[in-house]
Structure formats: structure tokens, C-alpha cells
């Protein structure tokens, strides 16, 4: 059985969605923020970050995008991503990598600015640069969604859930919804999805 280490409002949101869509059982372990961190948790998550997914064989994997890609491969019948070898698979991998390497790090710099500067007076500049990078990245994704219902292929995939999780962390959600109408259109569809509603009740990613 899978074990998911997570906490409300974290990147565990998309992994919970993936496991639910794949209809697989898993144990959920909520990891509180602690200082100092739990040494046992550091053994499976050296950066003390969630989510972490422990596989049935005992191997643990970090990084939400990597977990999503792995679950899509392990449960192809769930349609979590375009099939391997299909033309849409390349787009899925591209956008998952883009969001995890451009958008997610910018979000971390915004909310954990103290990690990215040794100058106590420099945190404001780190945050401003982070928001600018977020806005640039979301604008690129919004343009890619023009005329499309989903980010990749003709059906919802984990890329769409990953995207709305990230945009929900924008510091000015009203501005985000107005500036990126294509993302908002996708987000609106997912806000009405029964599973997203259920997960949002515990994660409080956006106002219900």
C-alpha cells in the first residue's frame, strides 16, 4: 500500500488527487511543521518537505511532479496523463517540468524568502522578483491554453490539477483570475469537479 506524507495546503493536494483518480488505497500521514524537524521524516525527505510518497516496496519518492508522473505510469488505466508514446505525452512532460522548475520555485521564493537571501533587508526584493517570475510563467501557460479545454490532450490530466494548485497560491488571486482568462476558465471547470471540491474542503486551496 502507498503511504502519503502531506499536510493541508501543500503540494500533497495534487498527489491526493492522483491517488483518488487512480482509485488506489493509501495511508495518509499528516506531517506537522516542526523545528527542529523529525529525524525519521528527514530520512525520507532530506529537505523536510511534503509531499513524500512511499511505494508498496518501501521506496520513498519526493517532488510532487515526479510523484505525479510516476503514478501516471503505474496506473495507466486511470488516464492521469496521455499514454506513453502518444504525441500528447511530450506536452505533458514539458508542462510538468515547466511548472515544477519555473512556477513552483518562484512560489517557494515568495513564501520562504528568508531562505533565498542572507540579507535581512533583502527579503522584499526576493518576493518582488518571485511574483514577477510567477506572473511571467503563468502568462506563458495562459497563452498555451488559448482555444484549448485542457493543457495537454483532449481530457483532464494531472497537469491541469497541478496548474490550478499553483495558481491558487498566487498572492493576488483576483488579479490572477482577471489577467489569465484561459487559466481561470480551466480553474473554474476544476472548481466544479466533485473530487476537487472534496479535496479543497481539507486543503482550503481556494474559497468554496
C-alpha atoms as a PDB file:
ATOM      1  CA  UNK A   1       0.000   0.000   0.000  1.00  0.00           C
ATOM      2  CA  UNK A   2       1.110   3.551  -0.669  1.00  0.00           C
ATOM      3  CA  UNK A   3       1.840   5.968   2.167  1.00  0.00           C
ATOM      4  CA  UNK A   4       1.451   9.694   1.520  1.00  0.00           C
ATOM      5  CA  UNK A   5       3.153  12.161   3.843  1.00  0.00           C
ATOM      6  CA  UNK A   6       1.458  15.509   3.429  1.00  0.00           C
ATOM      7  CA  UNK A   7      -0.188  18.434   5.162  1.00  0.00           C
ATOM      8  CA  UNK A   8      -3.168  20.671   4.325  1.00  0.00           C
ATOM      9  CA  UNK A   9      -2.479  23.407   1.786  1.00  0.00           C
ATOM     10  CA  UNK A  10       0.656  21.724   0.463  1.00  0.00           C
ATOM     11  CA  UNK A  11       1.706  20.153  -2.822  1.00  0.00           C
ATOM     12  CA  UNK A  12       0.166  16.974  -1.476  1.00  0.00           C
ATOM     13  CA  UNK A  13      -3.080  18.275  -2.956  1.00  0.00           C
ATOM     14  CA  UNK A  14      -2.245  17.075  -6.475  1.00  0.00           C
ATOM     15  CA  UNK A  15      -0.854  13.760  -5.226  1.00  0.00           C
ATOM     16  CA  UNK A  16      -4.033  13.078  -3.237  1.00  0.00           C
ATOM     17  CA  UNK A  17      -5.972  13.835  -6.409  1.00  0.00           C
ATOM     18  CA  UNK A  18      -3.814  11.422  -8.411  1.00  0.00           C
ATOM     19  CA  UNK A  19      -4.274   8.592  -5.912  1.00  0.00           C
ATOM     20  CA  UNK A  20      -8.023   9.177  -5.744  1.00  0.00           C
ATOM     21  CA  UNK A  21      -8.377   9.259  -9.532  1.00  0.00           C
ATOM     22  CA  UNK A  22      -6.352   6.053  -9.768  1.00  0.00           C
ATOM     23  CA  UNK A  23      -8.727   4.525  -7.192  1.00  0.00           C
ATOM     24  CA  UNK A  24      -5.900   3.077  -5.109  1.00  0.00           C
ATOM     25  CA  UNK A  25      -5.779   2.754  -1.354  1.00  0.00           C
ATOM     26  CA  UNK A  26      -3.193   4.679   0.601  1.00  0.00           C
ATOM     27  CA  UNK A  27      -2.366   5.628   4.143  1.00  0.00           C
ATOM     28  CA  UNK A  28      -2.192   9.357   4.731  1.00  0.00           C
ATOM     29  CA  UNK A  29       0.225  10.691   7.318  1.00  0.00           C
ATOM     30  CA  UNK A  30      -0.108  14.387   8.144  1.00  0.00           C
ATOM     31  CA  UNK A  31       3.318  15.881   8.879  1.00  0.00           C
ATOM     32  CA  UNK A  32       3.194  18.936  11.151  1.00  0.00           C
ATOM     33  CA  UNK A  33       5.692  21.731  10.680  1.00  0.00           C
ATOM     34  CA  UNK A  34       8.282  21.249  13.402  1.00  0.00           C
ATOM     35  CA  UNK A  35      11.559  22.962  14.287  1.00  0.00           C
ATOM     36  CA  UNK A  36      13.720  21.011  14.641  1.00  0.00           C
ATOM     37  CA  UNK A  37      12.228  18.545  12.156  1.00  0.00           C
ATOM     38  CA  UNK A  38      11.572  14.914  12.965  1.00  0.00           C
ATOM     39  CA  UNK A  39      14.789  12.965  12.202  1.00  0.00           C
ATOM     40  CA  UNK A  40      12.754   9.992  10.985  1.00  0.00           C
ATOM     41  CA  UNK A  41      10.998  12.178   8.425  1.00  0.00           C
ATOM     42  CA  UNK A  42      14.313  13.650   7.276  1.00  0.00           C
ATOM     43  CA  UNK A  43      15.397  10.139   6.355  1.00  0.00           C
ATOM     44  CA  UNK A  44      12.794  10.092   3.568  1.00  0.00           C
ATOM     45  CA  UNK A  45      12.630  13.844   2.899  1.00  0.00           C
ATOM     46  CA  UNK A  46      16.067  15.421   3.417  1.00  0.00           C
ATOM     47  CA  UNK A  47      14.704  18.921   2.713  1.00  0.00           C
ATOM     48  CA  UNK A  48      11.905  18.379   5.278  1.00  0.00           C
ATOM     49  CA  UNK A  49       9.295  18.981   2.582  1.00  0.00           C
ATOM     50  CA  UNK A  50       5.994  17.343   1.730  1.00  0.00           C
ATOM     51  CA  UNK A  51       4.634  15.540  -0.157  1.00  0.00           C
ATOM     52  CA  UNK A  52       6.515  12.280   0.083  1.00  0.00           C
ATOM     53  CA  UNK A  53       5.087   9.069  -1.346  1.00  0.00           C
ATOM     54  CA  UNK A  54       6.298   5.732  -0.012  1.00  0.00           C
ATOM     55  CA  UNK A  55       5.715   2.975  -2.545  1.00  0.00           C
ATOM     56  CA  UNK A  56       4.490  -0.521  -1.656  1.00  0.00           C
ATOM     57  CA  UNK A  57       8.095  -1.794  -1.886  1.00  0.00           C
ATOM     58  CA  UNK A  58       9.193   0.699   0.784  1.00  0.00           C
ATOM     59  CA  UNK A  59      10.960   3.116  -1.573  1.00  0.00           C
ATOM     60  CA  UNK A  60      10.144   6.789  -0.939  1.00  0.00           C
ATOM     61  CA  UNK A  61       9.931   9.488  -3.595  1.00  0.00           C
ATOM     62  CA  UNK A  62       9.825  13.252  -3.148  1.00  0.00           C
ATOM     63  CA  UNK A  63       8.921  16.085  -5.571  1.00  0.00           C
ATOM     64  CA  UNK A  64       5.228  16.391  -6.420  1.00  0.00           C
ATOM     65  CA  UNK A  65       5.749  16.497 -10.192  1.00  0.00           C
ATOM     66  CA  UNK A  66       7.876  13.349 -10.126  1.00  0.00           C
ATOM     67  CA  UNK A  67       5.283  11.603  -7.962  1.00  0.00           C
ATOM     68  CA  UNK A  68       2.529  12.556 -10.413  1.00  0.00           C
ATOM     69  CA  UNK A  69       4.482  11.283 -13.423  1.00  0.00           C
ATOM     70  CA  UNK A  70       5.258   8.022 -11.621  1.00  0.00           C
ATOM     71  CA  UNK A  71       1.631   7.445 -10.604  1.00  0.00           C
ATOM     72  CA  UNK A  72       0.500   8.106 -14.162  1.00  0.00           C
ATOM     73  CA  UNK A  73       2.933   5.444 -15.352  1.00  0.00           C
ATOM     74  CA  UNK A  74       1.972   2.926 -12.670  1.00  0.00           C
ATOM     75  CA  UNK A  75      -1.774   3.358 -13.218  1.00  0.00           C
ATOM     76  CA  UNK A  76      -2.277   3.932 -16.961  1.00  0.00           C
ATOM     77  CA  UNK A  77      -5.888   2.777 -16.806  1.00  0.00           C
ATOM     78  CA  UNK A  78      -6.745   5.882 -14.746  1.00  0.00           C
ATOM     79  CA  UNK A  79      -5.880   8.273 -17.572  1.00  0.00           C
ATOM     80  CA  UNK A  80      -3.870  10.551 -15.298  1.00  0.00           C
ATOM     81  CA  UNK A  81      -1.704  11.591 -18.253  1.00  0.00           C
ATOM     82  CA  UNK A  82      -1.510  10.979 -22.008  1.00  0.00           C
ATOM     83  CA  UNK A  83      -0.260   7.488 -22.780  1.00  0.00           C
ATOM     84  CA  UNK A  84       3.465   6.912 -23.127  1.00  0.00           C
ATOM     85  CA  UNK A  85       4.424   7.154 -26.784  1.00  0.00           C
ATOM     86  CA  UNK A  86       1.442   9.323 -27.728  1.00  0.00           C
ATOM     87  CA  UNK A  87       2.048  12.788 -29.255  1.00  0.00           C
ATOM     88  CA  UNK A  88       0.462  14.447 -26.218  1.00  0.00           C
ATOM     89  CA  UNK A  89       2.871  12.720 -23.825  1.00  0.00           C
ATOM     90  CA  UNK A  90       5.669  15.079 -24.808  1.00  0.00           C
ATOM     91  CA  UNK A  91       3.498  18.101 -23.978  1.00  0.00           C
ATOM     92  CA  UNK A  92       2.555  16.558 -20.632  1.00  0.00           C
ATOM     93  CA  UNK A  93       6.193  16.063 -19.673  1.00  0.00           C
ATOM     94  CA  UNK A  94       7.078  19.535 -20.923  1.00  0.00           C
ATOM     95  CA  UNK A  95       4.437  21.318 -18.882  1.00  0.00           C
ATOM     96  CA  UNK A  96       5.008  19.278 -15.743  1.00  0.00           C
ATOM     97  CA  UNK A  97       8.713  20.126 -15.953  1.00  0.00           C
ATOM     98  CA  UNK A  98       7.975  23.791 -16.728  1.00  0.00           C
ATOM     99  CA  UNK A  99       5.592  24.188 -13.819  1.00  0.00           C
ATOM    100  CA  UNK A 100       7.871  22.394 -11.358  1.00  0.00           C
ATOM    101  CA  UNK A 101      11.030  24.237 -12.449  1.00  0.00           C
ATOM    102  CA  UNK A 102       9.647  27.743 -13.135  1.00  0.00           C
ATOM    103  CA  UNK A 103       6.403  28.306 -11.239  1.00  0.00           C
ATOM    104  CA  UNK A 104       6.839  26.177  -8.124  1.00  0.00           C
ATOM    105  CA  UNK A 105      10.316  27.569  -7.269  1.00  0.00           C
ATOM    106  CA  UNK A 106       9.040  31.123  -7.701  1.00  0.00           C
ATOM    107  CA  UNK A 107       6.202  30.369  -5.292  1.00  0.00           C
ATOM    108  CA  UNK A 108       8.696  28.999  -2.778  1.00  0.00           C
ATOM    109  CA  UNK A 109      10.806  32.149  -3.096  1.00  0.00           C
ATOM    110  CA  UNK A 110       7.721  34.243  -2.383  1.00  0.00           C
ATOM    111  CA  UNK A 111       6.581  32.404   0.721  1.00  0.00           C
ATOM    112  CA  UNK A 112      10.017  31.426   2.032  1.00  0.00           C
ATOM    113  CA  UNK A 113      12.012  34.484   1.017  1.00  0.00           C
ATOM    114  CA  UNK A 114      14.278  34.149   4.058  1.00  0.00           C
ATOM    115  CA  UNK A 115      15.791  31.023   2.503  1.00  0.00           C
ATOM    116  CA  UNK A 116      16.970  32.917  -0.566  1.00  0.00           C
ATOM    117  CA  UNK A 117      18.921  35.796   0.916  1.00  0.00           C
ATOM    118  CA  UNK A 118      21.338  36.313   3.773  1.00  0.00           C
ATOM    119  CA  UNK A 119      20.377  39.994   3.875  1.00  0.00           C
ATOM    120  CA  UNK A 120      17.523  40.614   6.291  1.00  0.00           C
ATOM    121  CA  UNK A 121      16.655  43.730   4.289  1.00  0.00           C
ATOM    122  CA  UNK A 122      16.648  41.805   1.026  1.00  0.00           C
ATOM    123  CA  UNK A 123      13.535  39.713   1.533  1.00  0.00           C
ATOM    124  CA  UNK A 124      11.245  42.310  -0.032  1.00  0.00           C
ATOM    125  CA  UNK A 125      13.259  42.302  -3.257  1.00  0.00           C
ATOM    126  CA  UNK A 126      13.237  38.486  -3.323  1.00  0.00           C
ATOM    127  CA  UNK A 127       9.454  38.487  -3.021  1.00  0.00           C
ATOM    128  CA  UNK A 128       9.001  41.117  -5.722  1.00  0.00           C
ATOM    129  CA  UNK A 129      11.209  39.180  -8.128  1.00  0.00           C
ATOM    130  CA  UNK A 130       9.373  35.960  -7.283  1.00  0.00           C
ATOM    131  CA  UNK A 131       5.975  37.462  -8.110  1.00  0.00           C
ATOM    132  CA  UNK A 132       7.323  38.822 -11.389  1.00  0.00           C
ATOM    133  CA  UNK A 133       8.621  35.369 -12.299  1.00  0.00           C
ATOM    134  CA  UNK A 134       5.308  33.765 -11.340  1.00  0.00           C
ATOM    135  CA  UNK A 135       3.415  36.246 -13.495  1.00  0.00           C
ATOM    136  CA  UNK A 136       5.711  35.632 -16.451  1.00  0.00           C
ATOM    137  CA  UNK A 137       5.299  31.877 -16.151  1.00  0.00           C
ATOM    138  CA  UNK A 138       1.537  31.916 -15.728  1.00  0.00           C
ATOM    139  CA  UNK A 139       1.206  34.203 -18.754  1.00  0.00           C
ATOM    140  CA  UNK A 140       3.068  31.610 -20.833  1.00  0.00           C
ATOM    141  CA  UNK A 141       0.743  28.844 -19.687  1.00  0.00           C
ATOM    142  CA  UNK A 142      -2.315  31.032 -20.254  1.00  0.00           C
ATOM    143  CA  UNK A 143      -1.249  31.614 -23.848  1.00  0.00           C
ATOM    144  CA  UNK A 144      -0.763  27.875 -24.347  1.00  0.00           C
ATOM    145  CA  UNK A 145      -4.347  27.280 -23.170  1.00  0.00           C
ATOM    146  CA  UNK A 146      -5.842  29.624 -25.759  1.00  0.00           C
ATOM    147  CA  UNK A 147      -8.536  27.706 -27.631  1.00  0.00           C
ATOM    148  CA  UNK A 148      -7.977  24.574 -25.542  1.00  0.00           C
ATOM    149  CA  UNK A 149     -10.092  22.953 -22.839  1.00  0.00           C
ATOM    150  CA  UNK A 150      -7.105  21.237 -21.209  1.00  0.00           C
ATOM    151  CA  UNK A 151      -3.393  21.916 -21.018  1.00  0.00           C
ATOM    152  CA  UNK A 152      -2.499  18.674 -22.807  1.00  0.00           C
ATOM    153  CA  UNK A 153      -4.622  16.363 -24.925  1.00  0.00           C
ATOM    154  CA  UNK A 154      -8.389  16.217 -25.034  1.00  0.00           C
ATOM    155  CA  UNK A 155      -9.082  15.270 -21.411  1.00  0.00           C
ATOM    156  CA  UNK A 156      -8.206  16.419 -17.921  1.00  0.00           C
ATOM    157  CA  UNK A 157      -4.780  15.285 -16.749  1.00  0.00           C
ATOM    158  CA  UNK A 158      -2.645  15.783 -13.683  1.00  0.00           C
ATOM    159  CA  UNK A 159      -1.059  18.733 -15.484  1.00  0.00           C
ATOM    160  CA  UNK A 160      -4.346  20.620 -15.161  1.00  0.00           C
ATOM    161  CA  UNK A 161      -4.685  19.843 -11.462  1.00  0.00           C
ATOM    162  CA  UNK A 162      -1.049  20.777 -10.880  1.00  0.00           C
ATOM    163  CA  UNK A 163      -1.620  24.098 -12.643  1.00  0.00           C
ATOM    164  CA  UNK A 164      -4.667  25.129 -10.635  1.00  0.00           C
ATOM    165  CA  UNK A 165      -2.919  24.144  -7.402  1.00  0.00           C
ATOM    166  CA  UNK A 166      -0.101  26.527  -8.279  1.00  0.00           C
ATOM    167  CA  UNK A 167      -2.276  29.427  -9.389  1.00  0.00           C
ATOM    168  CA  UNK A 168      -4.292  29.104  -6.173  1.00  0.00           C
ATOM    169  CA  UNK A 169      -1.102  30.091  -4.336  1.00  0.00           C
ATOM    170  CA  UNK A 170      -0.803  33.382  -6.204  1.00  0.00           C
ATOM    171  CA  UNK A 171      -0.723  36.241  -3.663  1.00  0.00           C
ATOM    172  CA  UNK A 172      -3.389  38.182  -5.582  1.00  0.00           C
ATOM    173  CA  UNK A 173      -5.907  35.609  -6.760  1.00  0.00           C
ATOM    174  CA  UNK A 174      -8.397  38.175  -8.059  1.00  0.00           C
ATOM    175  CA  UNK A 175      -5.705  39.689 -10.269  1.00  0.00           C
ATOM    176  CA  UNK A 176      -4.637  36.234 -11.439  1.00  0.00           C
ATOM    177  CA  UNK A 177      -8.187  35.325 -12.449  1.00  0.00           C
ATOM    178  CA  UNK A 178      -8.565  38.570 -14.375  1.00  0.00           C
ATOM    179  CA  UNK A 179      -5.152  38.562 -16.043  1.00  0.00           C
ATOM    180  CA  UNK A 180      -5.197  34.947 -17.235  1.00  0.00           C
ATOM    181  CA  UNK A 181      -8.698  34.180 -18.520  1.00  0.00           C
ATOM    182  CA  UNK A 182      -7.712  30.844 -20.042  1.00  0.00           C
ATOM    183  CA  UNK A 183      -6.300  29.590 -16.751  1.00  0.00           C
ATOM    184  CA  UNK A 184      -9.393  30.915 -14.997  1.00  0.00           C
ATOM    185  CA  UNK A 185     -11.623  29.022 -17.444  1.00  0.00           C
ATOM    186  CA  UNK A 186      -9.761  25.798 -16.646  1.00  0.00           C
ATOM    187  CA  UNK A 187      -9.737  26.556 -12.937  1.00  0.00           C
ATOM    188  CA  UNK A 188     -13.481  27.211 -12.985  1.00  0.00           C
ATOM    189  CA  UNK A 189     -14.083  23.777 -14.523  1.00  0.00           C
ATOM    190  CA  UNK A 190     -11.968  22.110 -11.847  1.00  0.00           C
ATOM    191  CA  UNK A 191     -13.577  24.048  -9.006  1.00  0.00           C
ATOM    192  CA  UNK A 192     -16.829  22.344 -10.047  1.00  0.00           C
ATOM    193  CA  UNK A 193     -15.242  18.879 -10.144  1.00  0.00           C
ATOM    194  CA  UNK A 194     -16.555  16.708  -7.238  1.00  0.00           C
ATOM    195  CA  UNK A 195     -13.094  15.423  -6.306  1.00  0.00           C
ATOM    196  CA  UNK A 196     -11.582  18.908  -6.334  1.00  0.00           C
ATOM    197  CA  UNK A 197     -14.403  20.118  -4.102  1.00  0.00           C
ATOM    198  CA  UNK A 198     -13.739  17.301  -1.645  1.00  0.00           C
ATOM    199  CA  UNK A 199     -10.003  17.900  -1.545  1.00  0.00           C
ATOM    200  CA  UNK A 200     -10.470  21.655  -1.256  1.00  0.00           C
ATOM    201  CA  UNK A 201     -12.559  21.125   1.869  1.00  0.00           C
ATOM    202  CA  UNK A 202      -9.472  19.858   3.686  1.00  0.00           C
ATOM    203  CA  UNK A 203      -6.752  21.829   1.873  1.00  0.00           C
ATOM    204  CA  UNK A 204      -8.597  25.181   1.561  1.00  0.00           C
ATOM    205  CA  UNK A 205      -6.758  25.996  -1.653  1.00  0.00           C
ATOM    206  CA  UNK A 206      -9.461  28.433  -2.793  1.00  0.00           C
ATOM    207  CA  UNK A 207     -12.709  29.853  -1.361  1.00  0.00           C
ATOM    208  CA  UNK A 208     -15.504  27.331  -1.701  1.00  0.00           C
END
